[in-house]
Amino acid sequence: VPVRKRGKLPGTTIGQNYALEYGVDTIEIHADVLNSAHKVLIVDDLIATGGTAIAAVSLIRRTGATCDHAAFVIDLPDLGGAEKLRAENVGVHALMAFEGH
């Protein structure tokens, strides 16, 4: 299920706002693709501050679907995103971590 910035998906969508360092942005998914029968794993290239990932979890859970895990290629642990996701009861897995960023 693609999660994209506002206006990038065709058809009817639902969105979730999230904070950026310099403002607010919105991510969206198709309105009719998830329901309570689905279990979703978030997969992304990078977890930094966690804003986008937390917004994706919130958006997925709003549909009734379960989202309890997220996987990333890279974690930047000093920015705290993985810890924020864990605080939302999401297990976080990363192939590698780069501290000091």
PDB file of N, CA and C in Angstrom:
ATOM      1  N   VAL A   1       0.853  -1.175   0.000  1.00  0.00           N
ATOM      2  CA  VAL A   1       0.000   0.000   0.000  1.00  0.00           C
ATOM      3  C   VAL A   1       0.896   1.234   0.000  1.00  0.00           C
ATOM      4  N   PRO A   2       0.884   2.018  -1.037  1.00  0.00           N
ATOM      5  CA  PRO A   2       1.733   3.212  -1.045  1.00  0.00           C
ATOM      6  C   PRO A   2       1.220   4.292  -0.097  1.00  0.00           C
ATOM      7  N   VAL A   3       2.139   4.893   0.622  1.00  0.00           N
ATOM      8  CA  VAL A   3       1.872   6.065   1.454  1.00  0.00           C
ATOM      9  C   VAL A   3       2.637   7.201   0.793  1.00  0.00           C
ATOM     10  N   ARG A   4       1.913   8.229   0.357  1.00  0.00           N
ATOM     11  CA  ARG A   4       2.542   9.299  -0.431  1.00  0.00           C
ATOM     12  C   ARG A   4       2.176  10.666   0.121  1.00  0.00           C
ATOM     13  N   LYS A   5       2.938  11.668  -0.311  1.00  0.00           N
ATOM     14  CA  LYS A   5       2.603  13.041   0.036  1.00  0.00           C
ATOM     15  C   LYS A   5       1.282  13.420  -0.623  1.00  0.00           C
ATOM     16  N   ARG A   6       0.608  14.407  -0.027  1.00  0.00           N
ATOM     17  CA  ARG A   6      -0.704  14.841  -0.506  1.00  0.00           C
ATOM     18  C   ARG A   6      -0.683  15.152  -1.999  1.00  0.00           C
ATOM     19  N   GLY A   7      -1.709  14.647  -2.682  1.00  0.00           N
ATOM     20  CA  GLY A   7      -1.891  14.937  -4.095  1.00  0.00           C
ATOM     21  C   GLY A   7      -1.159  14.021  -5.057  1.00  0.00           C
ATOM     22  N   LYS A   8      -0.404  13.049  -4.565  1.00  0.00           N
ATOM     23  CA  LYS A   8       0.380  12.173  -5.437  1.00  0.00           C
ATOM     24  C   LYS A   8      -0.350  10.890  -5.823  1.00  0.00           C
ATOM     25  N   LEU A   9      -1.424  10.554  -5.118  1.00  0.00           N
ATOM     26  CA  LEU A   9      -2.170   9.326  -5.402  1.00  0.00           C
ATOM     27  C   LEU A   9      -3.457   9.646  -6.150  1.00  0.00           C
ATOM     28  N   PRO A  10      -3.812   8.851  -7.163  1.00  0.00           N
ATOM     29  CA  PRO A  10      -5.094   9.052  -7.839  1.00  0.00           C
ATOM     30  C   PRO A  10      -6.241   8.527  -6.977  1.00  0.00           C
ATOM     31  N   GLY A  11      -7.427   8.979  -7.259  1.00  0.00           N
ATOM     32  CA  GLY A  11      -8.609   8.458  -6.573  1.00  0.00           C
ATOM     33  C   GLY A  11      -8.836   9.091  -5.211  1.00  0.00           C
ATOM     34  N   THR A  12      -9.748   8.475  -4.466  1.00  0.00           N
ATOM     35  CA  THR A  12     -10.122   8.974  -3.149  1.00  0.00           C
ATOM     36  C   THR A  12      -9.085   8.550  -2.119  1.00  0.00           C
ATOM     37  N   THR A  13      -8.638   9.509  -1.313  1.00  0.00           N
ATOM     38  CA  THR A  13      -7.607   9.230  -0.315  1.00  0.00           C
ATOM     39  C   THR A  13      -8.037   9.735   1.055  1.00  0.00           C
ATOM     40  N   ILE A  14      -7.334   9.248   2.085  1.00  0.00           N
ATOM     41  CA  ILE A  14      -7.441   9.822   3.420  1.00  0.00           C
ATOM     42  C   ILE A  14      -6.039  10.259   3.815  1.00  0.00           C
ATOM     43  N   GLY A  15      -5.954  11.313   4.616  1.00  0.00           N
ATOM     44  CA  GLY A  15      -4.652  11.883   4.933  1.00  0.00           C
ATOM     45  C   GLY A  15      -4.406  12.044   6.418  1.00  0.00           C
ATOM     46  N   GLN A  16      -3.144  12.270   6.734  1.00  0.00           N
ATOM     47  CA  GLN A  16      -2.697  12.501   8.105  1.00  0.00           C
ATOM     48  C   GLN A  16      -1.638  13.600   8.069  1.00  0.00           C
ATOM     49  N   ASN A  17      -1.860  14.665   8.834  1.00  0.00           N
ATOM     50  CA  ASN A  17      -0.868  15.726   8.954  1.00  0.00           C
ATOM     51  C   ASN A  17       0.240  15.295   9.902  1.00  0.00           C
ATOM     52  N   TYR A  18       1.433  15.832   9.693  1.00  0.00           N
ATOM     53  CA  TYR A  18       2.549  15.606  10.604  1.00  0.00           C
ATOM     54  C   TYR A  18       3.461  16.825  10.578  1.00  0.00           C
ATOM     55  N   ALA A  19       4.179  17.017  11.680  1.00  0.00           N
ATOM     56  CA  ALA A  19       5.030  18.196  11.837  1.00  0.00           C
ATOM     57  C   ALA A  19       6.385  17.991  11.175  1.00  0.00           C
ATOM     58  N   LEU A  20       6.857  19.044  10.551  1.00  0.00           N
ATOM     59  CA  LEU A  20       8.211  19.121  10.014  1.00  0.00           C
ATOM     60  C   LEU A  20       8.974  20.162  10.832  1.00  0.00           C
ATOM     61  N   GLU A  21      10.272  20.228  10.650  1.00  0.00           N
ATOM     62  CA  GLU A  21      11.053  21.260  11.335  1.00  0.00           C
ATOM     63  C   GLU A  21      10.554  22.648  10.970  1.00  0.00           C
ATOM     64  N   TYR A  22      10.063  22.808   9.761  1.00  0.00           N
ATOM     65  CA  TYR A  22       9.712  24.116   9.222  1.00  0.00           C
ATOM     66  C   TYR A  22       8.234  24.257   8.894  1.00  0.00           C
ATOM     67  N   GLY A  23       7.369  23.378   9.416  1.00  0.00           N
ATOM     68  CA  GLY A  23       5.949  23.496   9.122  1.00  0.00           C
ATOM     69  C   GLY A  23       5.214  22.186   9.285  1.00  0.00           C
ATOM     70  N   VAL A  24       4.199  22.000   8.450  1.00  0.00           N
ATOM     71  CA  VAL A  24       3.348  20.812   8.504  1.00  0.00           C
ATOM     72  C   VAL A  24       3.217  20.253   7.093  1.00  0.00           C
ATOM     73  N   ASP A  25       3.171  18.929   6.985  1.00  0.00           N
ATOM     74  CA  ASP A  25       2.932  18.281   5.699  1.00  0.00           C
ATOM     75  C   ASP A  25       1.853  17.224   5.900  1.00  0.00           C
ATOM     76  N   THR A  26       1.413  16.604   4.823  1.00  0.00           N
ATOM     77  CA  THR A  26       0.360  15.591   4.875  1.00  0.00           C
ATOM     78  C   THR A  26       0.776  14.389   4.040  1.00  0.00           C
ATOM     79  N   ILE A  27       0.524  13.190   4.585  1.00  0.00           N
ATOM     80  CA  ILE A  27       0.676  11.968   3.803  1.00  0.00           C
ATOM     81  C   ILE A  27      -0.704  11.367   3.595  1.00  0.00           C
ATOM     82  N   GLU A  28      -0.843  10.559   2.539  1.00  0.00           N
ATOM     83  CA  GLU A  28      -2.140   9.978   2.198  1.00  0.00           C
ATOM     84  C   GLU A  28      -1.997   8.520   1.781  1.00  0.00           C
ATOM     85  N   ILE A  29      -3.110   7.790   1.926  1.00  0.00           N
ATOM     86  CA  ILE A  29      -3.260   6.452   1.360  1.00  0.00           C
ATOM     87  C   ILE A  29      -4.615   6.404   0.664  1.00  0.00           C
ATOM     88  N   HIS A  30      -4.799   5.404  -0.198  1.00  0.00           N
ATOM     89  CA  HIS A  30      -6.114   5.220  -0.813  1.00  0.00           C
ATOM     90  C   HIS A  30      -7.127   4.890   0.279  1.00  0.00           C
ATOM     91  N   ALA A  31      -8.302   5.463   0.163  1.00  0.00           N
ATOM     92  CA  ALA A  31      -9.317   5.346   1.208  1.00  0.00           C
ATOM     93  C   ALA A  31      -9.896   3.946   1.342  1.00  0.00           C
ATOM     94  N   ASP A  32      -9.827   3.144   0.298  1.00  0.00           N
ATOM     95  CA  ASP A  32     -10.565   1.881   0.290  1.00  0.00           C
ATOM     96  C   ASP A  32      -9.687   0.632   0.302  1.00  0.00           C
ATOM     97  N   VAL A  33      -8.413   0.736   0.673  1.00  0.00           N
ATOM     98  CA  VAL A  33      -7.535  -0.433   0.549  1.00  0.00           C
ATOM     99  C   VAL A  33      -7.277  -1.179   1.852  1.00  0.00           C
ATOM    100  N   LEU A  34      -7.475  -0.554   2.990  1.00  0.00           N
ATOM    101  CA  LEU A  34      -7.201  -1.211   4.270  1.00  0.00           C
ATOM    102  C   LEU A  34      -8.449  -1.273   5.130  1.00  0.00           C
ATOM    103  N   ASN A  35      -8.524  -2.338   5.944  1.00  0.00           N
ATOM    104  CA  ASN A  35      -9.596  -2.459   6.924  1.00  0.00           C
ATOM    105  C   ASN A  35      -9.094  -3.298   8.092  1.00  0.00           C
ATOM    106  N   SER A  36      -9.980  -3.644   8.999  1.00  0.00           N
ATOM    107  CA  SER A  36      -9.579  -4.342  10.227  1.00  0.00           C
ATOM    108  C   SER A  36      -9.026  -5.748   9.988  1.00  0.00           C
ATOM    109  N   ALA A  37      -9.174  -6.283   8.799  1.00  0.00           N
ATOM    110  CA  ALA A  37      -8.634  -7.610   8.491  1.00  0.00           C
ATOM    111  C   ALA A  37      -7.149  -7.567   8.112  1.00  0.00           C
ATOM    112  N   HIS A  38      -6.594  -6.373   7.942  1.00  0.00           N
ATOM    113  CA  HIS A  38      -5.225  -6.238   7.450  1.00  0.00           C
ATOM    114  C   HIS A  38      -4.215  -5.995   8.568  1.00  0.00           C
ATOM    115  N   LYS A  39      -3.023  -6.566   8.368  1.00  0.00           N
ATOM    116  CA  LYS A  39      -1.856  -6.298   9.211  1.00  0.00           C
ATOM    117  C   LYS A  39      -0.802  -5.676   8.303  1.00  0.00           C
ATOM    118  N   VAL A  40      -0.285  -4.525   8.688  1.00  0.00           N
ATOM    119  CA  VAL A  40       0.601  -3.757   7.821  1.00  0.00           C
ATOM    120  C   VAL A  40       1.979  -3.607   8.462  1.00  0.00           C
ATOM    121  N   LEU A  41       3.018  -3.849   7.686  1.00  0.00           N
ATOM    122  CA  LEU A  41       4.399  -3.583   8.059  1.00  0.00           C
ATOM    123  C   LEU A  41       4.850  -2.362   7.274  1.00  0.00           C
ATOM    124  N   ILE A  42       5.312  -1.342   7.966  1.00  0.00           N
ATOM    125  CA  ILE A  42       5.865  -0.171   7.285  1.00  0.00           C
ATOM    126  C   ILE A  42       7.298  -0.497   6.887  1.00  0.00           C
ATOM    127  N   VAL A  43       7.648  -0.216   5.635  1.00  0.00           N
ATOM    128  CA  VAL A  43       9.007  -0.413   5.136  1.00  0.00           C
ATOM    129  C   VAL A  43       9.454   0.903   4.504  1.00  0.00           C
ATOM    130  N   ASP A  44      10.605   1.408   4.963  1.00  0.00           N
ATOM    131  CA  ASP A  44      11.118   2.673   4.437  1.00  0.00           C
ATOM    132  C   ASP A  44      12.641   2.629   4.447  1.00  0.00           C
ATOM    133  N   ASP A  45      13.241   3.556   3.752  1.00  0.00           N
ATOM    134  CA  ASP A  45      14.699   3.558   3.671  1.00  0.00           C
ATOM    135  C   ASP A  45      15.367   4.111   4.916  1.00  0.00           C
ATOM    136  N   LEU A  46      14.746   5.081   5.591  1.00  0.00           N
ATOM    137  CA  LEU A  46      15.426   5.799   6.665  1.00  0.00           C
ATOM    138  C   LEU A  46      14.466   6.175   7.780  1.00  0.00           C
ATOM    139  N   ILE A  47      14.893   5.993   9.022  1.00  0.00           N
ATOM    140  CA  ILE A  47      14.175   6.533  10.176  1.00  0.00           C
ATOM    141  C   ILE A  47      15.091   7.562  10.826  1.00  0.00           C
ATOM    142  N   ALA A  48      14.635   8.801  10.865  1.00  0.00           N
ATOM    143  CA  ALA A  48      15.413   9.890  11.458  1.00  0.00           C
ATOM    144  C   ALA A  48      14.654  10.414  12.677  1.00  0.00           C
ATOM    145  N   THR A  49      13.838  11.449  12.497  1.00  0.00           N
ATOM    146  CA  THR A  49      13.073  11.996  13.625  1.00  0.00           C
ATOM    147  C   THR A  49      11.790  11.223  13.891  1.00  0.00           C
ATOM    148  N   GLY A  50      11.333  10.448  12.920  1.00  0.00           N
ATOM    149  CA  GLY A  50      10.156   9.612  13.100  1.00  0.00           C
ATOM    150  C   GLY A  50       8.835  10.232  12.716  1.00  0.00           C
ATOM    151  N   GLY A  51       8.821  11.493  12.325  1.00  0.00           N
ATOM    152  CA  GLY A  51       7.563  12.170  12.032  1.00  0.00           C
ATOM    153  C   GLY A  51       6.732  11.503  10.957  1.00  0.00           C
ATOM    154  N   THR A  52       7.337  11.172   9.850  1.00  0.00           N
ATOM    155  CA  THR A  52       6.611  10.542   8.750  1.00  0.00           C
ATOM    156  C   THR A  52       6.140   9.147   9.131  1.00  0.00           C
ATOM    157  N   ALA A  53       6.996   8.382   9.794  1.00  0.00           N
ATOM    158  CA  ALA A  53       6.630   7.015  10.176  1.00  0.00           C
ATOM    159  C   ALA A  53       5.489   7.009  11.184  1.00  0.00           C
ATOM    160  N   ILE A  54       5.529   7.904  12.157  1.00  0.00           N
ATOM    161  CA  ILE A  54       4.449   7.976  13.147  1.00  0.00           C
ATOM    162  C   ILE A  54       3.147   8.389  12.473  1.00  0.00           C
ATOM    163  N   ALA A  55       3.220   9.318  11.529  1.00  0.00           N
ATOM    164  CA  ALA A  55       2.019   9.710  10.786  1.00  0.00           C
ATOM    165  C   ALA A  55       1.476   8.536   9.983  1.00  0.00           C
ATOM    166  N   ALA A  56       2.356   7.743   9.380  1.00  0.00           N
ATOM    167  CA  ALA A  56       1.919   6.569   8.616  1.00  0.00           C
ATOM    168  C   ALA A  56       1.238   5.556   9.523  1.00  0.00           C
ATOM    169  N   VAL A  57       1.804   5.311  10.704  1.00  0.00           N
ATOM    170  CA  VAL A  57       1.180   4.393  11.667  1.00  0.00           C
ATOM    171  C   VAL A  57      -0.205   4.901  12.047  1.00  0.00           C
ATOM    172  N   SER A  58      -0.318   6.177  12.357  1.00  0.00           N
ATOM    173  CA  SER A  58      -1.616   6.755  12.732  1.00  0.00           C
ATOM    174  C   SER A  58      -2.632   6.616  11.612  1.00  0.00           C
ATOM    175  N   LEU A  59      -2.208   6.892  10.397  1.00  0.00           N
ATOM    176  CA  LEU A  59      -3.095   6.805   9.242  1.00  0.00           C
ATOM    177  C   LEU A  59      -3.561   5.371   9.020  1.00  0.00           C
ATOM    178  N   ILE A  60      -2.648   4.426   9.086  1.00  0.00           N
ATOM    179  CA  ILE A  60      -2.995   3.013   8.905  1.00  0.00           C
ATOM    180  C   ILE A  60      -3.950   2.554   9.998  1.00  0.00           C
ATOM    181  N   ARG A  61      -3.671   2.911  11.230  1.00  0.00           N
ATOM    182  CA  ARG A  61      -4.536   2.502  12.344  1.00  0.00           C
ATOM    183  C   ARG A  61      -5.923   3.124  12.246  1.00  0.00           C
ATOM    184  N   ARG A  62      -6.034   4.320  11.673  1.00  0.00           N
ATOM    185  CA  ARG A  62      -7.352   4.946  11.489  1.00  0.00           C
ATOM    186  C   ARG A  62      -8.264   4.111  10.608  1.00  0.00           C
ATOM    187  N   THR A  63      -7.700   3.314   9.717  1.00  0.00           N
ATOM    188  CA  THR A  63      -8.504   2.472   8.826  1.00  0.00           C
ATOM    189  C   THR A  63      -9.019   1.221   9.533  1.00  0.00           C
ATOM    190  N   GLY A  64      -8.513   0.956  10.734  1.00  0.00           N
ATOM    191  CA  GLY A  64      -8.851  -0.263  11.454  1.00  0.00           C
ATOM    192  C   GLY A  64      -7.798  -1.341  11.316  1.00  0.00           C
ATOM    193  N   ALA A  65      -6.852  -1.143  10.410  1.00  0.00           N
ATOM    194  CA  ALA A  65      -5.774  -2.120  10.210  1.00  0.00           C
ATOM    195  C   ALA A  65      -4.806  -2.088  11.389  1.00  0.00           C
ATOM    196  N   THR A  66      -4.083  -3.184  11.567  1.00  0.00           N
ATOM    197  CA  THR A  66      -3.064  -3.288  12.604  1.00  0.00           C
ATOM    198  C   THR A  66      -1.721  -2.878  12.015  1.00  0.00           C
ATOM    199  N   CYS A  67      -0.965  -2.091  12.761  1.00  0.00           N
ATOM    200  CA  CYS A  67       0.385  -1.702  12.345  1.00  0.00           C
ATOM    201  C   CYS A  67       1.261  -1.705  13.588  1.00  0.00           C
ATOM    202  N   ASP A  68       1.960  -2.815  13.797  1.00  0.00           N
ATOM    203  CA  ASP A  68       2.760  -2.988  15.007  1.00  0.00           C
ATOM    204  C   ASP A  68       4.255  -3.092  14.750  1.00  0.00           C
ATOM    205  N   HIS A  69       4.681  -3.027  13.495  1.00  0.00           N
ATOM    206  CA  HIS A  69       6.104  -3.159  13.178  1.00  0.00           C
ATOM    207  C   HIS A  69       6.480  -2.248  12.014  1.00  0.00           C
ATOM    208  N   ALA A  70       7.732  -1.806  12.044  1.00  0.00           N
ATOM    209  CA  ALA A  70       8.286  -1.002  10.955  1.00  0.00           C
ATOM    210  C   ALA A  70       9.720  -1.445  10.713  1.00  0.00           C
ATOM    211  N   ALA A  71      10.118  -1.486   9.447  1.00  0.00           N
ATOM    212  CA  ALA A  71      11.467  -1.899   9.074  1.00  0.00           C
ATOM    213  C   ALA A  71      12.108  -0.805   8.221  1.00  0.00           C
ATOM    214  N   PHE A  72      13.371  -0.550   8.505  1.00  0.00           N
ATOM    215  CA  PHE A  72      14.116   0.499   7.813  1.00  0.00           C
ATOM    216  C   PHE A  72      15.474  -0.040   7.393  1.00  0.00           C
ATOM    217  N   VAL A  73      16.021   0.517   6.344  1.00  0.00           N
ATOM    218  CA  VAL A  73      17.386   0.177   5.965  1.00  0.00           C
ATOM    219  C   VAL A  73      18.346   0.849   6.945  1.00  0.00           C
ATOM    220  N   ILE A  74      18.130   2.139   7.219  1.00  0.00           N
ATOM    221  CA  ILE A  74      19.038   2.918   8.066  1.00  0.00           C
ATOM    222  C   ILE A  74      18.271   3.573   9.202  1.00  0.00           C
ATOM    223  N   ASP A  75      18.844   3.499  10.404  1.00  0.00           N
ATOM    224  CA  ASP A  75      18.349   4.215  11.584  1.00  0.00           C
ATOM    225  C   ASP A  75      19.395   5.251  11.972  1.00  0.00           C
ATOM    226  N   LEU A  76      18.952   6.484  12.196  1.00  0.00           N
ATOM    227  CA  LEU A  76      19.803   7.528  12.764  1.00  0.00           C
ATOM    228  C   LEU A  76      19.377   7.690  14.222  1.00  0.00           C
ATOM    229  N   PRO A  77      19.896   6.847  15.127  1.00  0.00           N
ATOM    230  CA  PRO A  77      19.372   6.772  16.495  1.00  0.00           C
ATOM    231  C   PRO A  77      19.481   8.063  17.291  1.00  0.00           C
ATOM    232  N   ASP A  78      20.462   8.903  17.004  1.00  0.00           N
ATOM    233  CA  ASP A  78      20.611  10.148  17.757  1.00  0.00           C
ATOM    234  C   ASP A  78      19.449  11.114  17.529  1.00  0.00           C
ATOM    235  N   LEU A  79      18.680  10.910  16.469  1.00  0.00           N
ATOM    236  CA  LEU A  79      17.539  11.783  16.184  1.00  0.00           C
ATOM    237  C   LEU A  79      16.251  11.298  16.845  1.00  0.00           C
ATOM    238  N   GLY A  80      16.250  10.092  17.402  1.00  0.00           N
ATOM    239  CA  GLY A  80      15.164   9.632  18.260  1.00  0.00           C
ATOM    240  C   GLY A  80      13.922   9.072  17.611  1.00  0.00           C
ATOM    241  N   GLY A  81      13.901   8.926  16.307  1.00  0.00           N
ATOM    242  CA  GLY A  81      12.693   8.450  15.640  1.00  0.00           C
ATOM    243  C   GLY A  81      12.286   7.044  16.024  1.00  0.00           C
ATOM    244  N   ALA A  82      13.249   6.141  16.124  1.00  0.00           N
ATOM    245  CA  ALA A  82      12.927   4.755  16.486  1.00  0.00           C
ATOM    246  C   ALA A  82      12.328   4.690  17.886  1.00  0.00           C
ATOM    247  N   GLU A  83      12.875   5.465  18.808  1.00  0.00           N
ATOM    248  CA  GLU A  83      12.330   5.477  20.172  1.00  0.00           C
ATOM    249  C   GLU A  83      10.909   6.031  20.192  1.00  0.00           C
ATOM    250  N   LYS A  84      10.643   7.044  19.382  1.00  0.00           N
ATOM    251  CA  LYS A  84       9.281   7.592  19.300  1.00  0.00           C
ATOM    252  C   LYS A  84       8.305   6.545  18.769  1.00  0.00           C
ATOM    253  N   LEU A  85       8.729   5.772  17.770  1.00  0.00           N
ATOM    254  CA  LEU A  85       7.868   4.707  17.247  1.00  0.00           C
ATOM    255  C   LEU A  85       7.622   3.637  18.305  1.00  0.00           C
ATOM    256  N   ARG A  86       8.664   3.263  19.028  1.00  0.00           N
ATOM    257  CA  ARG A  86       8.491   2.267  20.097  1.00  0.00           C
ATOM    258  C   ARG A  86       7.506   2.765  21.150  1.00  0.00           C
ATOM    259  N   ALA A  87       7.513   4.065  21.421  1.00  0.00           N
ATOM    260  CA  ALA A  87       6.561   4.648  22.372  1.00  0.00           C
ATOM    261  C   ALA A  87       5.123   4.535  21.871  1.00  0.00           C
ATOM    262  N   GLU A  88       4.951   4.353  20.559  1.00  0.00           N
ATOM    263  CA  GLU A  88       3.628   4.148  19.951  1.00  0.00           C
ATOM    264  C   GLU A  88       3.315   2.661  19.799  1.00  0.00           C
ATOM    265  N   ASN A  89       4.071   1.809  20.500  1.00  0.00           N
ATOM    266  CA  ASN A  89       3.900   0.348  20.454  1.00  0.00           C
ATOM    267  C   ASN A  89       4.152  -0.230  19.064  1.00  0.00           C
ATOM    268  N   VAL A  90       5.184   0.281  18.412  1.00  0.00           N
ATOM    269  CA  VAL A  90       5.603  -0.215  17.108  1.00  0.00           C
ATOM    270  C   VAL A  90       7.015  -0.777  17.255  1.00  0.00           C
ATOM    271  N   GLY A  91       7.188  -2.044  16.920  1.00  0.00           N
ATOM    272  CA  GLY A  91       8.520  -2.635  16.912  1.00  0.00           C
ATOM    273  C   GLY A  91       9.315  -2.082  15.746  1.00  0.00           C
ATOM    274  N   VAL A  92      10.563  -1.716  16.007  1.00  0.00           N
ATOM    275  CA  VAL A  92      11.399  -1.100  14.978  1.00  0.00           C
ATOM    276  C   VAL A  92      12.579  -2.011  14.670  1.00  0.00           C
ATOM    277  N   HIS A  93      12.803  -2.244  13.385  1.00  0.00           N
ATOM    278  CA  HIS A  93      13.910  -3.074  12.923  1.00  0.00           C
ATOM    279  C   HIS A  93      14.671  -2.284  11.861  1.00  0.00           C
ATOM    280  N   ALA A  94      16.001  -2.270  11.952  1.00  0.00           N
ATOM    281  CA  ALA A  94      16.825  -1.574  10.963  1.00  0.00           C
ATOM    282  C   ALA A  94      18.016  -2.447  10.599  1.00  0.00           C
ATOM    283  N   LEU A  95      18.406  -2.406   9.332  1.00  0.00           N
ATOM    284  CA  LEU A  95      19.560  -3.176   8.882  1.00  0.00           C
ATOM    285  C   LEU A  95      20.865  -2.598   9.409  1.00  0.00           C
ATOM    286  N   MET A  96      20.913  -1.266   9.573  1.00  0.00           N
ATOM    287  CA  MET A  96      22.120  -0.629  10.089  1.00  0.00           C
ATOM    288  C   MET A  96      21.762   0.675  10.777  1.00  0.00           C
ATOM    289  N   ALA A  97      22.637   1.116  11.667  1.00  0.00           N
ATOM    290  CA  ALA A  97      22.443   2.377  12.376  1.00  0.00           C
ATOM    291  C   ALA A  97      23.709   3.210  12.246  1.00  0.00           C
ATOM    292  N   PHE A  98      23.515   4.504  12.073  1.00  0.00           N
ATOM    293  CA  PHE A  98      24.629   5.447  12.010  1.00  0.00           C
ATOM    294  C   PHE A  98      24.457   6.452  13.132  1.00  0.00           C
ATOM    295  N   GLU A  99      25.254   6.310  14.175  1.00  0.00           N
ATOM    296  CA  GLU A  99      25.196   7.245  15.300  1.00  0.00           C
ATOM    297  C   GLU A  99      25.996   8.493  14.968  1.00  0.00           C
ATOM    298  N   GLY A 100      25.702   9.564  15.695  1.00  0.00           N
ATOM    299  CA  GLY A 100      26.428  10.810  15.505  1.00  0.00           C
ATOM    300  C   GLY A 100      25.869  11.703  14.419  1.00  0.00           C
ATOM    301  N   HIS A 101      24.617  11.478  14.017  1.00  0.00           N
ATOM    302  CA  HIS A 101      23.996  12.317  12.982  1.00  0.00           C
ATOM    303  C   HIS A 101      22.839  13.082  13.548  1.00  0.00           C
TER     304      HIS A 101
END
